[in-house]
């Protein structure tokens, strides 16, 4: 399982991912909009 955390500010949205062993899986940044969030989903890996 991959756990994702979001850091949202007025201009950007950053998603951080870790696995169940608390190992860093990655991070991705996008615009703080609905379209920006949708664009981040495929970059964070399979559901």
Protein backbone atom coordinates (compact mmCIF):
# COMPACT_ATOMS: atom_id res chain seq x y z
CA UNK A 1 0.00 0.00 0.00
CA UNK A 2 1.18 3.52 -0.78
CA UNK A 3 0.23 6.42 1.48
CA UNK A 4 0.06 9.90 -0.06
CA UNK A 5 0.17 13.22 1.75
CA UNK A 6 -0.69 16.57 0.19
CA UNK A 7 0.87 19.95 0.90
CA UNK A 8 -1.35 22.66 -0.58
CA UNK A 9 -0.53 26.36 -0.80
CA UNK A 10 -2.11 29.15 -2.81
CA UNK A 11 -0.04 28.46 -5.91
CA UNK A 12 1.15 24.85 -5.76
CA UNK A 13 0.23 21.36 -4.67
CA UNK A 14 2.89 18.84 -3.65
CA UNK A 15 2.12 15.14 -3.14
CA UNK A 16 4.47 12.94 -1.10
CA UNK A 17 4.28 9.14 -1.13
CA UNK A 18 5.60 6.47 1.27
CA UNK A 19 4.95 2.73 1.40
CA UNK A 20 3.80 0.62 4.35
CA UNK A 21 7.45 0.25 5.47
CA UNK A 22 7.77 4.05 5.62
CA UNK A 23 10.15 4.06 2.66
CA UNK A 24 10.13 7.16 0.47
CA UNK A 25 8.37 6.46 -2.84
CA UNK A 26 8.51 9.91 -4.42
CA UNK A 27 7.09 13.36 -4.71
CA UNK A 28 5.35 15.31 -7.43
CA UNK A 29 4.35 18.95 -7.78
CA UNK A 30 1.56 20.63 -9.71
CA UNK A 31 -0.81 23.57 -9.77
CA UNK A 32 -3.23 23.99 -6.84
CA UNK A 33 -6.28 23.48 -9.06
CA UNK A 34 -8.64 20.61 -9.86
CA UNK A 35 -6.75 20.03 -13.10
CA UNK A 36 -3.43 20.09 -11.24
CA UNK A 37 -4.64 17.44 -8.78
CA UNK A 38 -5.93 15.26 -11.62
CA UNK A 39 -2.56 15.56 -13.38
CA UNK A 40 -0.72 14.41 -10.22
CA UNK A 41 -2.66 11.16 -9.86
CA UNK A 42 -1.05 9.23 -12.75
CA UNK A 43 2.42 10.41 -11.71
CA UNK A 44 2.00 8.99 -8.19
CA UNK A 45 1.65 5.42 -9.44
CA UNK A 46 -1.11 2.86 -9.84
CA UNK A 47 -4.17 2.98 -7.62
